[in-house]
Amino acid sequence: MTTPLERLRALCLALPEATEKISHGEPTWFVRKTFATFADHHHDDRLAFWCAAPPGAQEELVASAPGRFFRPPYVGGRGWVGVYLDVPDVDWDEIGELVVDAYRTVAPKRLVALLDA
């Protein structure tokens, strides 16, 4: 059985030129800039990840499902969204879509074009 970190890592590293480094003590994924970071009980007792999001997405997601989504510390003011990974029935298809949206939000246009090709 794969762990949430392993599943998240696979989603992030499947994207063009994505890399992983430890940042602030957590696995973090970059495409020139950070697009997602794992949060293993980083600021509370919850397992989650934080990711960049298109304008307005954070508010929409948190309002629609506050038990699954939250405004993360530090980066929440920039529109990032937090996603709990310790809830029952984690929707990994939805998480995959959020990861791609995060990537699209920060990746250079040349790399976003690769996703659309």
C-alpha atoms as a PDB file:
ATOM      1  CA  MET A   1       0.000   0.000   0.000  1.00  0.00           C
ATOM      2  CA  THR A   2       1.333   3.423  -0.889  1.00  0.00           C
ATOM      3  CA  THR A   3       1.409   6.267   1.602  1.00  0.00           C
ATOM      4  CA  PRO A   4      -0.175   9.674   0.995  1.00  0.00           C
ATOM      5  CA  LEU A   5       3.330  11.118   0.547  1.00  0.00           C
ATOM      6  CA  GLU A   6       4.208   8.509  -2.080  1.00  0.00           C
ATOM      7  CA  ARG A   7       0.985   9.163  -3.980  1.00  0.00           C
ATOM      8  CA  LEU A   8       1.429  12.934  -3.841  1.00  0.00           C
ATOM      9  CA  ARG A   9       5.078  12.631  -4.891  1.00  0.00           C
ATOM     10  CA  ALA A  10       4.115  10.536  -7.928  1.00  0.00           C
ATOM     11  CA  LEU A  11       1.515  13.109  -9.011  1.00  0.00           C
ATOM     12  CA  CYS A  12       3.917  16.034  -8.646  1.00  0.00           C
ATOM     13  CA  LEU A  13       6.953  14.424 -10.256  1.00  0.00           C
ATOM     14  CA  ALA A  14       4.915  13.274 -13.278  1.00  0.00           C
ATOM     15  CA  LEU A  15       4.724  16.912 -14.399  1.00  0.00           C
ATOM     16  CA  PRO A  16       7.270  18.363 -16.864  1.00  0.00           C
ATOM     17  CA  GLU A  17      10.559  19.385 -15.209  1.00  0.00           C
ATOM     18  CA  ALA A  18       9.118  19.137 -11.684  1.00  0.00           C
ATOM     19  CA  THR A  19      11.701  18.543  -8.966  1.00  0.00           C
ATOM     20  CA  GLU A  20      11.566  17.721  -5.271  1.00  0.00           C
ATOM     21  CA  LYS A  21      13.615  19.211  -2.452  1.00  0.00           C
ATOM     22  CA  ILE A  22      13.192  19.467   1.288  1.00  0.00           C
ATOM     23  CA  SER A  23      12.038  22.958   2.220  1.00  0.00           C
ATOM     24  CA  HIS A  24      11.200  23.988   5.766  1.00  0.00           C
ATOM     25  CA  GLY A  25      11.600  20.349   6.771  1.00  0.00           C
ATOM     26  CA  GLU A  26       9.000  18.995   4.337  1.00  0.00           C
ATOM     27  CA  PRO A  27       9.098  17.443   0.845  1.00  0.00           C
ATOM     28  CA  THR A  28       8.340  20.276  -1.577  1.00  0.00           C
ATOM     29  CA  TRP A  29       7.847  20.290  -5.351  1.00  0.00           C
ATOM     30  CA  PHE A  30       9.156  22.950  -7.686  1.00  0.00           C
ATOM     31  CA  VAL A  31       8.927  23.983 -11.313  1.00  0.00           C
ATOM     32  CA  ARG A  32      11.266  26.973 -11.041  1.00  0.00           C
ATOM     33  CA  LYS A  33       9.039  28.077  -8.110  1.00  0.00           C
ATOM     34  CA  THR A  34       7.246  26.058  -5.460  1.00  0.00           C
ATOM     35  CA  PHE A  35       3.890  24.632  -6.507  1.00  0.00           C
ATOM     36  CA  ALA A  36       3.170  22.154  -3.682  1.00  0.00           C
ATOM     37  CA  THR A  37       4.485  21.127  -0.287  1.00  0.00           C
ATOM     38  CA  PHE A  38       3.704  18.204   1.984  1.00  0.00           C
ATOM     39  CA  ALA A  39       2.579  19.101   5.513  1.00  0.00           C
ATOM     40  CA  ASP A  40       3.195  16.153   7.831  1.00  0.00           C
ATOM     41  CA  HIS A  41       1.681  17.620  10.983  1.00  0.00           C
ATOM     42  CA  HIS A  42       3.738  20.726  10.194  1.00  0.00           C
ATOM     43  CA  HIS A  43       1.607  23.291  12.034  1.00  0.00           C
ATOM     44  CA  ASP A  44      -1.090  21.166  13.609  1.00  0.00           C
ATOM     45  CA  ASP A  45      -1.987  17.540  14.213  1.00  0.00           C
ATOM     46  CA  ARG A  46      -3.228  16.982  10.630  1.00  0.00           C
ATOM     47  CA  LEU A  47      -1.662  15.376   7.562  1.00  0.00           C
ATOM     48  CA  ALA A  48      -2.087  17.629   4.527  1.00  0.00           C
ATOM     49  CA  PHE A  49      -0.455  19.317   1.590  1.00  0.00           C
ATOM     50  CA  TRP A  50      -0.478  22.932   0.476  1.00  0.00           C
ATOM     51  CA  CYS A  51      -0.523  24.019  -3.148  1.00  0.00           C
ATOM     52  CA  ALA A  52      -0.693  27.080  -5.342  1.00  0.00           C
ATOM     53  CA  ALA A  53      -4.156  27.743  -6.714  1.00  0.00           C
ATOM     54  CA  PRO A  54      -5.703  29.919  -9.400  1.00  0.00           C
ATOM     55  CA  PRO A  55      -7.339  33.166  -8.224  1.00  0.00           C
ATOM     56  CA  GLY A  56     -10.553  32.519  -6.291  1.00  0.00           C
ATOM     57  CA  ALA A  57     -10.044  28.755  -5.999  1.00  0.00           C
ATOM     58  CA  GLN A  58      -9.023  28.818  -2.332  1.00  0.00           C
ATOM     59  CA  GLU A  59     -12.186  30.610  -1.234  1.00  0.00           C
ATOM     60  CA  GLU A  60     -14.394  28.371  -3.361  1.00  0.00           C
ATOM     61  CA  LEU A  61     -12.844  25.120  -2.124  1.00  0.00           C
ATOM     62  CA  VAL A  62     -12.765  26.082   1.561  1.00  0.00           C
ATOM     63  CA  ALA A  63     -16.388  27.286   1.426  1.00  0.00           C
ATOM     64  CA  SER A  64     -17.548  24.130  -0.375  1.00  0.00           C
ATOM     65  CA  ALA A  65     -15.801  21.589   1.875  1.00  0.00           C
ATOM     66  CA  PRO A  66     -14.133  23.030   5.006  1.00  0.00           C
ATOM     67  CA  GLY A  67     -13.566  19.515   6.326  1.00  0.00           C
ATOM     68  CA  ARG A  68     -11.267  18.795   3.365  1.00  0.00           C
ATOM     69  CA  PHE A  69      -9.797  22.200   2.444  1.00  0.00           C
ATOM     70  CA  PHE A  70      -8.287  25.050   4.469  1.00  0.00           C
ATOM     71  CA  ARG A  71      -6.331  28.280   4.194  1.00  0.00           C
ATOM     72  CA  PRO A  72      -2.749  27.286   5.063  1.00  0.00           C
ATOM     73  CA  PRO A  73      -0.462  29.447   7.187  1.00  0.00           C
ATOM     74  CA  TYR A  74       2.142  31.656   5.461  1.00  0.00           C
ATOM     75  CA  VAL A  75       1.007  31.004   1.873  1.00  0.00           C
ATOM     76  CA  GLY A  76      -2.758  31.212   2.365  1.00  0.00           C
ATOM     77  CA  GLY A  77      -2.600  34.980   1.873  1.00  0.00           C
ATOM     78  CA  ARG A  78      -1.239  34.332  -1.628  1.00  0.00           C
ATOM     79  CA  GLY A  79      -4.265  32.191  -2.506  1.00  0.00           C
ATOM     80  CA  TRP A  80      -2.742  28.787  -1.797  1.00  0.00           C
ATOM     81  CA  VAL A  81      -5.068  26.044  -0.603  1.00  0.00           C
ATOM     82  CA  GLY A  82      -4.468  23.379   2.017  1.00  0.00           C
ATOM     83  CA  VAL A  83      -5.844  19.884   1.460  1.00  0.00           C
ATOM     84  CA  TYR A  84      -6.243  17.391   4.290  1.00  0.00           C
ATOM     85  CA  LEU A  85      -4.914  13.923   3.504  1.00  0.00           C
ATOM     86  CA  ASP A  86      -6.099  12.292   6.739  1.00  0.00           C
ATOM     87  CA  VAL A  87      -9.809  12.298   5.891  1.00  0.00           C
ATOM     88  CA  PRO A  88     -11.693   9.135   4.956  1.00  0.00           C
ATOM     89  CA  ASP A  89     -12.006   8.429   1.247  1.00  0.00           C
ATOM     90  CA  VAL A  90      -9.360  10.831  -0.047  1.00  0.00           C
ATOM     91  CA  ASP A  91     -10.266  11.617  -3.675  1.00  0.00           C
ATOM     92  CA  TRP A  92      -6.912  11.132  -5.419  1.00  0.00           C
ATOM     93  CA  ASP A  93      -8.377  12.073  -8.802  1.00  0.00           C
ATOM     94  CA  GLU A  94      -9.361  15.444  -7.367  1.00  0.00           C
ATOM     95  CA  ILE A  95      -5.941  15.807  -5.742  1.00  0.00           C
ATOM     96  CA  GLY A  96      -4.349  15.086  -9.106  1.00  0.00           C
ATOM     97  CA  GLU A  97      -6.405  17.910 -10.626  1.00  0.00           C
ATOM     98  CA  LEU A  98      -5.383  20.270  -7.812  1.00  0.00           C
ATOM     99  CA  VAL A  99      -1.713  19.395  -8.331  1.00  0.00           C
ATOM    100  CA  VAL A 100      -1.980  20.098 -12.070  1.00  0.00           C
ATOM    101  CA  ASP A 101      -3.753  23.405 -11.346  1.00  0.00           C
ATOM    102  CA  ALA A 102      -0.994  24.312  -8.877  1.00  0.00           C
ATOM    103  CA  TYR A 103       1.649  23.493 -11.459  1.00  0.00           C
ATOM    104  CA  ARG A 104      -0.151  25.560 -14.116  1.00  0.00           C
ATOM    105  CA  THR A 105      -0.344  28.486 -11.684  1.00  0.00           C
ATOM    106  CA  VAL A 106       3.444  28.806 -11.329  1.00  0.00           C
ATOM    107  CA  ALA A 107       5.042  26.996 -14.299  1.00  0.00           C
ATOM    108  CA  PRO A 108       6.524  28.877 -17.250  1.00  0.00           C
ATOM    109  CA  LYS A 109       4.196  29.054 -20.282  1.00  0.00           C
ATOM    110  CA  ARG A 110       6.495  26.744 -22.248  1.00  0.00           C
ATOM    111  CA  LEU A 111       5.970  23.951 -19.701  1.00  0.00           C
ATOM    112  CA  VAL A 112       2.227  24.565 -19.387  1.00  0.00           C
ATOM    113  CA  ALA A 113       2.066  24.164 -23.177  1.00  0.00           C
ATOM    114  CA  LEU A 114       3.539  20.660 -22.780  1.00  0.00           C
ATOM    115  CA  LEU A 115       0.560  19.699 -20.621  1.00  0.00           C
ATOM    116  CA  ASP A 116      -1.823  20.919 -23.294  1.00  0.00           C
ATOM    117  CA  ALA A 117      -0.009  19.185 -26.182  1.00  0.00           C
END
